[in-house]
Amino acid sequence: RFYEADQRKHQIGGVQCAAAVGLDEGIFVICTFWLVDDLILLGEIDRARVLFEKILSYSNDLGLMSEEIDPVSGQMLGNFPQAFSHLAIINTAVHLDQAEKKRENSSSGGS
């Protein structure tokens, strides 16, 4: 229940973040990927996938991301490219892939 209430409070312009920020600040990309990781741990794999893809849609044509995303315009803010944003993409992609494979194996009766 706390997660659901907290999630609504931190949704701005289709981008979600685990930490509340003022509208004059950008939403930290790494925090948003941490939220995806939390959804995975909660077993919300489909919701995690949707949010993961949404965050990736803010990258540029080369797949690079900045430190922050403007909550209103979706424009990249801060340091660019930002290494910790890309590390978060990789970590979350691995976690999501593992969770989806585990779910697939469970539904097919595999181990």
C-alpha atoms as a PDB file:
ATOM      1  CA  ARG A   1       0.000   0.000   0.000  1.00  0.00           C
ATOM      2  CA  PHE A   2       2.803   2.397   0.830  1.00  0.00           C
ATOM      3  CA  TYR A   3       4.398   1.733  -2.544  1.00  0.00           C
ATOM      4  CA  GLU A   4       1.135   2.457  -4.412  1.00  0.00           C
ATOM      5  CA  ALA A   5       0.579   5.773  -2.609  1.00  0.00           C
ATOM      6  CA  ASP A   6       4.218   6.736  -2.929  1.00  0.00           C
ATOM      7  CA  GLN A   7       4.240   5.913  -6.638  1.00  0.00           C
ATOM      8  CA  ARG A   8       1.312   8.220  -7.398  1.00  0.00           C
ATOM      9  CA  LYS A   9       2.973  11.031  -5.484  1.00  0.00           C
ATOM     10  CA  HIS A  10       6.155  10.790  -7.568  1.00  0.00           C
ATOM     11  CA  GLN A  11       4.729  10.438 -11.061  1.00  0.00           C
ATOM     12  CA  ILE A  12       5.411  13.552 -13.104  1.00  0.00           C
ATOM     13  CA  GLY A  13       4.926  13.796 -16.855  1.00  0.00           C
ATOM     14  CA  GLY A  14       4.954  10.025 -17.322  1.00  0.00           C
ATOM     15  CA  VAL A  15       8.334   9.679 -15.600  1.00  0.00           C
ATOM     16  CA  GLN A  16       8.557   8.182 -12.143  1.00  0.00           C
ATOM     17  CA  CYS A  17      11.265   8.523  -9.567  1.00  0.00           C
ATOM     18  CA  ALA A  18      11.885   6.892  -6.217  1.00  0.00           C
ATOM     19  CA  ALA A  19      12.831  10.233  -4.647  1.00  0.00           C
ATOM     20  CA  ALA A  20      10.573  13.287  -4.528  1.00  0.00           C
ATOM     21  CA  VAL A  21      11.947  16.300  -6.320  1.00  0.00           C
ATOM     22  CA  GLY A  22      10.632  19.794  -6.893  1.00  0.00           C
ATOM     23  CA  LEU A  23       9.350  20.738 -10.315  1.00  0.00           C
ATOM     24  CA  ASP A  24      12.371  23.011 -10.747  1.00  0.00           C
ATOM     25  CA  GLU A  25      14.629  19.957 -10.600  1.00  0.00           C
ATOM     26  CA  GLY A  26      15.062  17.095 -13.009  1.00  0.00           C
ATOM     27  CA  ILE A  27      14.227  13.499 -12.202  1.00  0.00           C
ATOM     28  CA  PHE A  28      17.381  11.462 -11.666  1.00  0.00           C
ATOM     29  CA  VAL A  29      17.589   8.656 -14.186  1.00  0.00           C
ATOM     30  CA  ILE A  30      19.383   6.304 -11.798  1.00  0.00           C
ATOM     31  CA  CYS A  31      16.582   6.676  -9.213  1.00  0.00           C
ATOM     32  CA  THR A  32      13.982   5.777 -11.800  1.00  0.00           C
ATOM     33  CA  PHE A  33      15.849   2.602 -12.707  1.00  0.00           C
ATOM     34  CA  TRP A  34      16.016   1.782  -8.986  1.00  0.00           C
ATOM     35  CA  LEU A  35      12.224   2.029  -8.984  1.00  0.00           C
ATOM     36  CA  VAL A  36      12.114  -0.513 -11.825  1.00  0.00           C
ATOM     37  CA  ASP A  37      14.381  -2.779  -9.750  1.00  0.00           C
ATOM     38  CA  ASP A  38      11.952  -2.416  -6.830  1.00  0.00           C
ATOM     39  CA  LEU A  39       9.027  -3.393  -9.058  1.00  0.00           C
ATOM     40  CA  ILE A  40      10.960  -6.483 -10.120  1.00  0.00           C
ATOM     41  CA  LEU A  41      11.576  -7.440  -6.490  1.00  0.00           C
ATOM     42  CA  LEU A  42       7.854  -6.971  -5.784  1.00  0.00           C
ATOM     43  CA  GLY A  43       7.056  -9.381  -8.622  1.00  0.00           C
ATOM     44  CA  GLU A  44       5.536  -6.627 -10.787  1.00  0.00           C
ATOM     45  CA  ILE A  45       7.451  -7.758 -13.870  1.00  0.00           C
ATOM     46  CA  ASP A  46       5.060  -6.371 -16.494  1.00  0.00           C
ATOM     47  CA  ARG A  47       4.901  -2.969 -14.816  1.00  0.00           C
ATOM     48  CA  ALA A  48       8.682  -3.004 -14.520  1.00  0.00           C
ATOM     49  CA  ARG A  49       9.040  -3.711 -18.257  1.00  0.00           C
ATOM     50  CA  VAL A  50       6.684  -0.860 -19.185  1.00  0.00           C
ATOM     51  CA  LEU A  51       8.525   1.644 -16.996  1.00  0.00           C
ATOM     52  CA  PHE A  52      11.923   0.391 -18.211  1.00  0.00           C
ATOM     53  CA  GLU A  53      10.894   0.956 -21.838  1.00  0.00           C
ATOM     54  CA  LYS A  54       9.423   4.363 -20.951  1.00  0.00           C
ATOM     55  CA  ILE A  55      12.691   5.528 -19.402  1.00  0.00           C
ATOM     56  CA  LEU A  56      14.676   4.274 -22.389  1.00  0.00           C
ATOM     57  CA  SER A  57      12.441   6.323 -24.691  1.00  0.00           C
ATOM     58  CA  TYR A  58      14.073   9.469 -23.277  1.00  0.00           C
ATOM     59  CA  SER A  59      17.527   8.499 -24.576  1.00  0.00           C
ATOM     60  CA  ASN A  60      18.950  10.127 -27.683  1.00  0.00           C
ATOM     61  CA  ASP A  61      19.348   8.494 -31.096  1.00  0.00           C
ATOM     62  CA  LEU A  62      22.559   6.793 -29.929  1.00  0.00           C
ATOM     63  CA  GLY A  63      20.940   5.426 -26.764  1.00  0.00           C
ATOM     64  CA  LEU A  64      22.815   7.857 -24.516  1.00  0.00           C
ATOM     65  CA  MET A  65      21.240   9.330 -21.411  1.00  0.00           C
ATOM     66  CA  SER A  66      21.913  12.298 -19.213  1.00  0.00           C
ATOM     67  CA  GLU A  67      21.923  12.537 -15.451  1.00  0.00           C
ATOM     68  CA  GLU A  68      18.352  13.842 -15.212  1.00  0.00           C
ATOM     69  CA  ILE A  69      15.137  14.178 -17.205  1.00  0.00           C
ATOM     70  CA  ASP A  70      13.021  17.326 -17.112  1.00  0.00           C
ATOM     71  CA  PRO A  71       9.680  16.231 -15.573  1.00  0.00           C
ATOM     72  CA  VAL A  72       7.639  18.502 -17.840  1.00  0.00           C
ATOM     73  CA  SER A  73       9.348  18.476 -21.240  1.00  0.00           C
ATOM     74  CA  GLY A  74      11.192  15.156 -21.084  1.00  0.00           C
ATOM     75  CA  GLN A  75      14.387  16.960 -22.115  1.00  0.00           C
ATOM     76  CA  MET A  76      17.683  15.581 -20.830  1.00  0.00           C
ATOM     77  CA  LEU A  77      19.337  17.684 -18.124  1.00  0.00           C
ATOM     78  CA  GLY A  78      22.624  17.664 -16.260  1.00  0.00           C
ATOM     79  CA  ASN A  79      25.777  15.805 -17.181  1.00  0.00           C
ATOM     80  CA  PHE A  80      25.682  14.143 -20.582  1.00  0.00           C
ATOM     81  CA  PRO A  81      26.395  11.374 -21.177  1.00  0.00           C
ATOM     82  CA  GLN A  82      26.172  10.171 -17.599  1.00  0.00           C
ATOM     83  CA  ALA A  83      27.972   6.938 -16.721  1.00  0.00           C
ATOM     84  CA  PHE A  84      25.872   6.034 -13.682  1.00  0.00           C
ATOM     85  CA  SER A  85      22.676   6.325 -15.748  1.00  0.00           C
ATOM     86  CA  HIS A  86      24.118   3.800 -18.191  1.00  0.00           C
ATOM     87  CA  LEU A  87      25.250   1.478 -15.399  1.00  0.00           C
ATOM     88  CA  ALA A  88      21.701   1.591 -14.052  1.00  0.00           C
ATOM     89  CA  ILE A  89      20.345   0.658 -17.496  1.00  0.00           C
ATOM     90  CA  ILE A  90      22.640  -2.361 -17.638  1.00  0.00           C
ATOM     91  CA  ASN A  91      21.901  -3.507 -14.078  1.00  0.00           C
ATOM     92  CA  THR A  92      18.158  -3.116 -14.482  1.00  0.00           C
ATOM     93  CA  ALA A  93      18.172  -4.828 -17.885  1.00  0.00           C
ATOM     94  CA  VAL A  94      19.949  -7.825 -16.332  1.00  0.00           C
ATOM     95  CA  HIS A  95      17.524  -7.924 -13.375  1.00  0.00           C
ATOM     96  CA  LEU A  96      14.525  -7.669 -15.697  1.00  0.00           C
ATOM     97  CA  ASP A  97      15.841 -10.377 -18.015  1.00  0.00           C
ATOM     98  CA  GLN A  98      16.470 -12.721 -15.079  1.00  0.00           C
ATOM     99  CA  ALA A  99      13.001 -12.085 -13.649  1.00  0.00           C
ATOM    100  CA  GLU A 100      11.304 -12.666 -17.003  1.00  0.00           C
ATOM    101  CA  LYS A 101      13.229 -15.909 -17.556  1.00  0.00           C
ATOM    102  CA  LYS A 102      12.392 -17.097 -14.049  1.00  0.00           C
ATOM    103  CA  ARG A 103       8.702 -16.337 -14.618  1.00  0.00           C
ATOM    104  CA  GLU A 104       8.808 -18.087 -17.998  1.00  0.00           C
ATOM    105  CA  ASN A 105      10.435 -21.178 -16.476  1.00  0.00           C
ATOM    106  CA  SER A 106       7.898 -21.223 -13.644  1.00  0.00           C
ATOM    107  CA  SER A 107       4.945 -21.038 -16.015  1.00  0.00           C
ATOM    108  CA  SER A 108       6.342 -23.768 -18.276  1.00  0.00           C
ATOM    109  CA  GLY A 109       7.105 -26.076 -15.370  1.00  0.00           C
ATOM    110  CA  GLY A 110      10.874 -25.750 -15.805  1.00  0.00           C
ATOM    111  CA  SER A 111      13.376 -25.156 -13.061  1.00  0.00           C
END
